Amino acid sequence: MAAKSWFQKQFEALKDDFDFRLETLILNITETISENMEKKGFNRSKFAEILRVSPPAVTKILNGTSNFTLKTLLTIADALELNLKIDFEEKEKVAAIRPVEDRFITPLASGEDLDFACAHSLNKTYSSATEELDWAA
């Protein structure tokens, strides 16, 4: 079997990462919504009308920047005449699991605002990923 490509190695290294898995879920949800909107012949304006939201709200949904609560997902599924199924299953293989506190934004320090804390958390994740990429190069 041929040696793994650089991309395959990077994918293997990140596939168990919490943030990577979260973004994959969001992408799958938005792609499913978009595909089913197309099947039903709904443009963003028509879908917004059906959901009783503004067209910019539909844009947020399709960009994956909306807050996907169960209520929101069920409303979208009903509008697209789909069943919503959420399932938990055993992981095939667990690599090193990061401690829970590393997965979430650290508590705000005195005087810090939420935007700063979010940016710090994302920067920490980005820095870890780029360090791995630099090492692989």
N, C-alpha and C. Protein backbone atom coordinates (compact mmCIF):
# COMPACT_ATOMS: atom_id res chain seq x y z
N MET A 1 0.85 -1.18 0.00
CA MET A 1 0.00 0.00 0.00
C MET A 1 0.89 1.24 0.00
N ALA A 2 0.55 2.21 -0.81
CA ALA A 2 1.35 3.42 -0.93
C ALA A 2 1.33 4.21 0.38
N ALA A 3 2.38 5.00 0.56
CA ALA A 3 2.46 5.84 1.76
C ALA A 3 1.30 6.82 1.77
N LYS A 4 0.86 7.16 2.96
CA LYS A 4 -0.25 8.11 3.08
C LYS A 4 0.18 9.48 2.57
N SER A 5 -0.75 10.15 1.92
CA SER A 5 -0.49 11.50 1.45
C SER A 5 -0.44 12.44 2.64
N TRP A 6 0.09 13.61 2.44
CA TRP A 6 0.16 14.63 3.49
C TRP A 6 -1.24 14.93 4.02
N PHE A 7 -2.21 15.07 3.11
CA PHE A 7 -3.58 15.38 3.51
C PHE A 7 -4.16 14.26 4.36
N GLN A 8 -3.95 13.02 3.95
CA GLN A 8 -4.49 11.90 4.72
C GLN A 8 -3.90 11.86 6.12
N LYS A 9 -2.62 12.17 6.25
CA LYS A 9 -1.98 12.21 7.57
C LYS A 9 -2.59 13.30 8.43
N GLN A 10 -2.81 14.47 7.84
CA GLN A 10 -3.40 15.57 8.59
C GLN A 10 -4.83 15.25 9.00
N PHE A 11 -5.57 14.64 8.09
CA PHE A 11 -6.95 14.26 8.40
C PHE A 11 -6.97 13.26 9.56
N GLU A 12 -6.12 12.27 9.50
CA GLU A 12 -6.06 11.27 10.57
C GLU A 12 -5.73 11.93 11.91
N ALA A 13 -4.84 12.92 11.87
CA ALA A 13 -4.43 13.60 13.11
C ALA A 13 -5.57 14.43 13.69
N LEU A 14 -6.44 14.97 12.84
CA LEU A 14 -7.49 15.88 13.31
C LEU A 14 -8.87 15.26 13.44
N LYS A 15 -9.08 14.08 12.89
CA LYS A 15 -10.44 13.55 12.83
C LYS A 15 -11.08 13.31 14.19
N ASP A 16 -10.30 13.15 15.25
CA ASP A 16 -10.86 12.99 16.59
C ASP A 16 -10.89 14.29 17.37
N ASP A 17 -10.44 15.37 16.76
CA ASP A 17 -10.43 16.67 17.42
C ASP A 17 -11.86 17.18 17.58
N PHE A 18 -12.19 17.67 18.77
CA PHE A 18 -13.54 18.14 19.07
C PHE A 18 -14.00 19.21 18.08
N ASP A 19 -13.18 20.24 17.86
CA ASP A 19 -13.57 21.34 16.98
C ASP A 19 -13.75 20.88 15.54
N PHE A 20 -12.91 19.96 15.08
CA PHE A 20 -13.04 19.42 13.73
C PHE A 20 -14.35 18.65 13.60
N ARG A 21 -14.66 17.82 14.60
CA ARG A 21 -15.91 17.06 14.57
C ARG A 21 -17.11 17.99 14.60
N LEU A 22 -17.05 19.06 15.39
CA LEU A 22 -18.15 20.03 15.45
C LEU A 22 -18.37 20.68 14.09
N GLU A 23 -17.32 21.15 13.46
CA GLU A 23 -17.44 21.78 12.15
C GLU A 23 -17.96 20.79 11.10
N THR A 24 -17.58 19.52 11.22
CA THR A 24 -18.08 18.50 10.29
C THR A 24 -19.59 18.32 10.47
N LEU A 25 -20.04 18.28 11.72
CA LEU A 25 -21.49 18.17 11.97
C LEU A 25 -22.25 19.36 11.39
N ILE A 26 -21.74 20.55 11.61
CA ILE A 26 -22.39 21.75 11.09
C ILE A 26 -22.44 21.71 9.57
N LEU A 27 -21.34 21.32 8.95
CA LEU A 27 -21.30 21.23 7.49
C LEU A 27 -22.32 20.21 6.98
N ASN A 28 -22.40 19.06 7.63
CA ASN A 28 -23.37 18.04 7.20
C ASN A 28 -24.80 18.54 7.32
N ILE A 29 -25.10 19.24 8.41
CA ILE A 29 -26.45 19.78 8.61
C ILE A 29 -26.78 20.80 7.53
N THR A 30 -25.88 21.76 7.30
CA THR A 30 -26.17 22.81 6.33
C THR A 30 -26.26 22.26 4.90
N GLU A 31 -25.44 21.26 4.59
CA GLU A 31 -25.51 20.65 3.26
C GLU A 31 -26.84 19.92 3.07
N THR A 32 -27.28 19.22 4.10
CA THR A 32 -28.57 18.51 4.02
C THR A 32 -29.72 19.50 3.83
N ILE A 33 -29.68 20.59 4.57
CA ILE A 33 -30.72 21.62 4.43
C ILE A 33 -30.71 22.18 3.01
N SER A 34 -29.54 22.54 2.53
CA SER A 34 -29.41 23.13 1.20
C SER A 34 -29.88 22.18 0.10
N GLU A 35 -29.47 20.93 0.18
CA GLU A 35 -29.88 19.93 -0.82
C GLU A 35 -31.40 19.75 -0.83
N ASN A 36 -32.00 19.70 0.34
CA ASN A 36 -33.44 19.50 0.41
C ASN A 36 -34.22 20.75 0.02
N MET A 37 -33.66 21.92 0.28
CA MET A 37 -34.28 23.15 -0.22
C MET A 37 -34.33 23.11 -1.75
N GLU A 38 -33.23 22.69 -2.34
CA GLU A 38 -33.16 22.62 -3.80
C GLU A 38 -34.17 21.61 -4.35
N LYS A 39 -34.27 20.44 -3.70
CA LYS A 39 -35.23 19.42 -4.13
C LYS A 39 -36.67 19.94 -4.09
N LYS A 40 -36.95 20.76 -3.07
CA LYS A 40 -38.31 21.31 -2.91
C LYS A 40 -38.53 22.56 -3.76
N GLY A 41 -37.46 23.06 -4.36
CA GLY A 41 -37.59 24.27 -5.17
C GLY A 41 -37.68 25.54 -4.34
N PHE A 42 -37.15 25.50 -3.11
CA PHE A 42 -37.19 26.66 -2.23
C PHE A 42 -35.93 27.50 -2.40
N ASN A 43 -36.12 28.79 -2.69
CA ASN A 43 -34.98 29.70 -2.59
C ASN A 43 -34.95 30.21 -1.15
N ARG A 44 -33.96 31.05 -0.84
CA ARG A 44 -33.82 31.53 0.54
C ARG A 44 -35.03 32.33 1.00
N SER A 45 -35.56 33.14 0.10
CA SER A 45 -36.73 33.96 0.47
C SER A 45 -37.95 33.10 0.76
N LYS A 46 -38.20 32.11 -0.07
CA LYS A 46 -39.35 31.22 0.12
C LYS A 46 -39.18 30.41 1.41
N PHE A 47 -37.96 29.92 1.64
CA PHE A 47 -37.70 29.14 2.85
C PHE A 47 -37.87 30.01 4.10
N ALA A 48 -37.43 31.26 4.01
CA ALA A 48 -37.60 32.19 5.13
C ALA A 48 -39.08 32.40 5.42
N GLU A 49 -39.86 32.53 4.37
CA GLU A 49 -41.31 32.71 4.52
C GLU A 49 -41.94 31.50 5.21
N ILE A 50 -41.54 30.31 4.80
CA ILE A 50 -42.08 29.07 5.39
C ILE A 50 -41.69 28.96 6.87
N LEU A 51 -40.44 29.32 7.17
CA LEU A 51 -39.95 29.23 8.55
C LEU A 51 -40.43 30.40 9.42
N ARG A 52 -40.98 31.41 8.76
CA ARG A 52 -41.40 32.64 9.44
C ARG A 52 -40.21 33.34 10.10
N VAL A 53 -39.13 33.42 9.32
CA VAL A 53 -37.93 34.15 9.75
C VAL A 53 -37.51 35.07 8.60
N SER A 54 -36.53 35.90 8.85
CA SER A 54 -36.05 36.80 7.81
C SER A 54 -35.10 36.05 6.87
N PRO A 55 -34.96 36.53 5.62
CA PRO A 55 -33.97 35.92 4.72
C PRO A 55 -32.55 35.91 5.29
N PRO A 56 -32.11 36.96 6.02
CA PRO A 56 -30.78 36.87 6.63
C PRO A 56 -30.66 35.73 7.66
N ALA A 57 -31.78 35.38 8.32
CA ALA A 57 -31.75 34.26 9.26
C ALA A 57 -31.51 32.95 8.52
N VAL A 58 -32.09 32.81 7.33
CA VAL A 58 -31.85 31.61 6.52
C VAL A 58 -30.39 31.58 6.06
N THR A 59 -29.85 32.73 5.72
CA THR A 59 -28.44 32.80 5.34
C THR A 59 -27.56 32.34 6.48
N LYS A 60 -27.88 32.76 7.71
CA LYS A 60 -27.11 32.31 8.88
C LYS A 60 -27.22 30.79 9.04
N ILE A 61 -28.39 30.25 8.81
CA ILE A 61 -28.58 28.80 8.90
C ILE A 61 -27.69 28.09 7.88
N LEU A 62 -27.75 28.55 6.64
CA LEU A 62 -26.99 27.90 5.57
C LEU A 62 -25.49 28.13 5.68
N ASN A 63 -25.09 29.20 6.36
CA ASN A 63 -23.65 29.44 6.59
C ASN A 63 -23.15 28.68 7.81
N GLY A 64 -24.06 28.09 8.57
CA GLY A 64 -23.67 27.34 9.75
C GLY A 64 -23.37 28.21 10.95
N THR A 65 -23.80 29.48 10.90
CA THR A 65 -23.53 30.38 12.02
C THR A 65 -24.76 30.57 12.90
N SER A 66 -25.82 29.85 12.62
CA SER A 66 -27.03 29.92 13.42
C SER A 66 -26.88 29.02 14.64
N ASN A 67 -27.64 29.31 15.67
CA ASN A 67 -27.66 28.46 16.85
C ASN A 67 -28.62 27.30 16.57
N PHE A 68 -28.08 26.13 16.32
CA PHE A 68 -28.90 24.98 15.97
C PHE A 68 -29.45 24.30 17.22
N THR A 69 -30.51 24.86 17.78
CA THR A 69 -31.18 24.20 18.89
C THR A 69 -32.02 23.07 18.33
N LEU A 70 -32.46 22.18 19.21
CA LEU A 70 -33.34 21.10 18.75
C LEU A 70 -34.62 21.66 18.16
N LYS A 71 -35.14 22.73 18.75
CA LYS A 71 -36.36 23.36 18.24
C LYS A 71 -36.12 23.89 16.82
N THR A 72 -34.99 24.54 16.60
CA THR A 72 -34.67 25.07 15.26
C THR A 72 -34.55 23.93 14.25
N LEU A 73 -33.83 22.89 14.63
CA LEU A 73 -33.64 21.76 13.72
C LEU A 73 -34.97 21.06 13.39
N LEU A 74 -35.83 20.91 14.39
CA LEU A 74 -37.12 20.28 14.15
C LEU A 74 -38.01 21.15 13.26
N THR A 75 -37.96 22.45 13.46
CA THR A 75 -38.73 23.38 12.62
C THR A 75 -38.25 23.29 11.17
N ILE A 76 -36.94 23.25 10.98
CA ILE A 76 -36.38 23.14 9.63
C ILE A 76 -36.79 21.80 9.00
N ALA A 77 -36.68 20.71 9.78
CA ALA A 77 -37.06 19.40 9.27
C ALA A 77 -38.53 19.37 8.86
N ASP A 78 -39.39 19.95 9.68
CA ASP A 78 -40.82 19.99 9.33
C ASP A 78 -41.05 20.80 8.06
N ALA A 79 -40.36 21.92 7.92
CA ALA A 79 -40.52 22.76 6.73
C ALA A 79 -40.08 22.02 5.46
N LEU A 80 -39.10 21.13 5.61
CA LEU A 80 -38.59 20.37 4.46
C LEU A 80 -39.26 19.00 4.35
N GLU A 81 -40.27 18.76 5.20
CA GLU A 81 -40.99 17.48 5.24
C GLU A 81 -40.03 16.31 5.44
N LEU A 82 -39.15 16.47 6.43
CA LEU A 82 -38.17 15.44 6.78
C LEU A 82 -38.35 15.06 8.25
N ASN A 83 -37.91 13.86 8.58
CA ASN A 83 -37.83 13.47 9.98
C ASN A 83 -36.46 13.87 10.50
N LEU A 84 -36.42 14.36 11.72
CA LEU A 84 -35.16 14.70 12.36
C LEU A 84 -34.73 13.51 13.19
N LYS A 85 -33.50 13.05 12.97
CA LYS A 85 -32.98 11.92 13.72
C LYS A 85 -31.64 12.34 14.32
N ILE A 86 -31.55 12.24 15.63
CA ILE A 86 -30.30 12.52 16.32
C ILE A 86 -29.94 11.22 17.04
N ASP A 87 -28.72 10.78 16.85
CA ASP A 87 -28.33 9.48 17.36
C ASP A 87 -26.96 9.55 18.01
N PHE A 88 -26.76 8.77 19.03
CA PHE A 88 -25.47 8.61 19.66
C PHE A 88 -24.99 7.20 19.35
N GLU A 89 -23.71 7.07 19.05
CA GLU A 89 -23.16 5.75 18.80
C GLU A 89 -21.75 5.69 19.36
N GLU A 90 -21.30 4.47 19.58
CA GLU A 90 -19.95 4.25 20.09
C GLU A 90 -18.93 4.75 19.08
N LYS A 91 -17.85 5.33 19.59
CA LYS A 91 -16.75 5.72 18.71
C LYS A 91 -16.00 4.46 18.32
N GLU A 92 -15.53 4.42 17.08
CA GLU A 92 -14.80 3.25 16.62
C GLU A 92 -13.48 3.10 17.37
N LYS A 93 -12.78 4.21 17.45
CA LYS A 93 -11.47 4.18 18.08
C LYS A 93 -11.24 5.55 18.68
N VAL A 94 -10.82 5.60 19.90
CA VAL A 94 -10.58 6.88 20.54
C VAL A 94 -9.08 7.08 20.63
N ALA A 95 -8.63 8.18 20.04
CA ALA A 95 -7.23 8.55 20.17
C ALA A 95 -7.07 9.21 21.53
N ALA A 96 -6.10 10.02 21.67
CA ALA A 96 -5.91 10.75 22.93
C ALA A 96 -7.06 11.72 23.10
N ILE A 97 -7.77 11.63 24.20
CA ILE A 97 -8.90 12.52 24.46
C ILE A 97 -8.39 13.69 25.28
N ARG A 98 -8.65 14.89 24.76
CA ARG A 98 -8.26 16.09 25.50
C ARG A 98 -9.15 16.23 26.71
N PRO A 99 -8.61 16.77 27.79
CA PRO A 99 -9.47 17.05 28.94
C PRO A 99 -10.60 17.99 28.55
N VAL A 100 -11.74 17.82 29.20
CA VAL A 100 -12.92 18.62 28.88
C VAL A 100 -12.62 20.11 28.94
N GLU A 101 -11.85 20.54 29.95
CA GLU A 101 -11.62 21.98 30.09
C GLU A 101 -10.88 22.57 28.89
N ASP A 102 -10.12 21.76 28.14
CA ASP A 102 -9.43 22.25 26.96
C ASP A 102 -10.37 22.44 25.78
N ARG A 103 -11.55 21.84 25.83
CA ARG A 103 -12.48 21.91 24.71
C ARG A 103 -13.33 23.16 24.74
N PHE A 104 -13.38 23.82 25.85
CA PHE A 104 -14.27 24.95 25.99
C PHE A 104 -13.49 26.21 26.31
N ILE A 105 -14.14 27.32 26.13
CA ILE A 105 -13.51 28.60 26.41
C ILE A 105 -13.17 28.66 27.89
N THR A 106 -11.97 29.08 28.17
CA THR A 106 -11.56 29.21 29.57
C THR A 106 -12.38 30.32 30.22
N PRO A 107 -12.59 30.23 31.52
CA PRO A 107 -13.37 31.27 32.20
C PRO A 107 -12.78 32.65 31.96
N LEU A 108 -13.65 33.63 31.94
CA LEU A 108 -13.21 34.99 31.69
C LEU A 108 -12.38 35.51 32.87
N ALA A 109 -11.25 36.09 32.55
CA ALA A 109 -10.46 36.75 33.58
C ALA A 109 -11.12 38.09 33.88
N SER A 110 -10.81 38.64 34.99
CA SER A 110 -11.37 39.92 35.38
C SER A 110 -11.08 40.96 34.31
N GLY A 111 -12.12 41.63 33.81
CA GLY A 111 -11.96 42.67 32.81
C GLY A 111 -11.98 42.15 31.37
N GLU A 112 -11.95 40.83 31.16
CA GLU A 112 -11.98 40.27 29.82
C GLU A 112 -13.41 40.24 29.31
N ASP A 113 -13.57 40.41 28.01
CA ASP A 113 -14.91 40.26 27.46
C ASP A 113 -15.00 38.94 26.72
N LEU A 114 -16.22 38.55 26.38
CA LEU A 114 -16.46 37.26 25.75
C LEU A 114 -15.77 37.17 24.40
N ASP A 115 -15.78 38.24 23.60
CA ASP A 115 -15.13 38.20 22.29
C ASP A 115 -13.65 37.89 22.42
N PHE A 116 -12.99 38.50 23.43
CA PHE A 116 -11.58 38.25 23.64
C PHE A 116 -11.36 36.79 24.02
N ALA A 117 -12.21 36.26 24.92
CA ALA A 117 -12.05 34.88 25.36
C ALA A 117 -12.26 33.91 24.19
N CYS A 118 -13.26 34.18 23.35
CA CYS A 118 -13.51 33.34 22.18
C CYS A 118 -12.32 33.38 21.22
N ALA A 119 -11.81 34.59 20.96
CA ALA A 119 -10.68 34.74 20.06
C ALA A 119 -9.46 34.01 20.62
N HIS A 120 -9.26 34.10 21.93
CA HIS A 120 -8.14 33.41 22.56
C HIS A 120 -8.28 31.90 22.40
N SER A 121 -9.49 31.39 22.62
CA SER A 121 -9.73 29.96 22.51
C SER A 121 -9.50 29.49 21.07
N LEU A 122 -10.03 30.23 20.09
CA LEU A 122 -9.84 29.87 18.69
C LEU A 122 -8.38 29.96 18.30
N ASN A 123 -7.68 30.97 18.79
CA ASN A 123 -6.27 31.15 18.48
C ASN A 123 -5.47 29.97 19.03
N LYS A 124 -5.84 29.49 20.23
CA LYS A 124 -5.16 28.35 20.83
C LYS A 124 -5.35 27.12 19.94
N THR A 125 -6.57 26.90 19.46
CA THR A 125 -6.85 25.77 18.58
C THR A 125 -6.10 25.92 17.27
N TYR A 126 -6.12 27.13 16.69
CA TYR A 126 -5.42 27.39 15.44
C TYR A 126 -3.92 27.18 15.61
N SER A 127 -3.37 27.67 16.72
CA SER A 127 -1.93 27.53 16.96
C SER A 127 -1.52 26.07 17.04
N SER A 128 -2.35 25.26 17.72
CA SER A 128 -2.05 23.83 17.83
C SER A 128 -2.05 23.17 16.46
N ALA A 129 -3.04 23.53 15.63
CA ALA A 129 -3.13 22.94 14.29
C ALA A 129 -1.97 23.37 13.42
N THR A 130 -1.58 24.64 13.49
CA THR A 130 -0.47 25.10 12.63
C THR A 130 0.86 24.52 13.10
N GLU A 131 1.01 24.31 14.41
CA GLU A 131 2.23 23.66 14.89
C GLU A 131 2.35 22.26 14.31
N GLU A 132 1.24 21.53 14.26
CA GLU A 132 1.24 20.19 13.68
C GLU A 132 1.57 20.26 12.19
N LEU A 133 1.02 21.26 11.50
CA LEU A 133 1.29 21.40 10.07
C LEU A 133 2.75 21.77 9.82
N ASP A 134 3.30 22.66 10.65
CA ASP A 134 4.70 23.03 10.50
C ASP A 134 5.60 21.83 10.73
N TRP A 135 5.27 21.00 11.70
CA TRP A 135 6.06 19.84 12.02
C TRP A 135 6.05 18.85 10.85
N ALA A 136 4.89 18.72 10.19
CA ALA A 136 4.74 17.75 9.11
C ALA A 136 5.47 18.20 7.84
N ALA A 137 5.70 19.49 7.69
CA ALA A 137 6.30 20.01 6.46
C ALA A 137 7.77 19.65 6.34
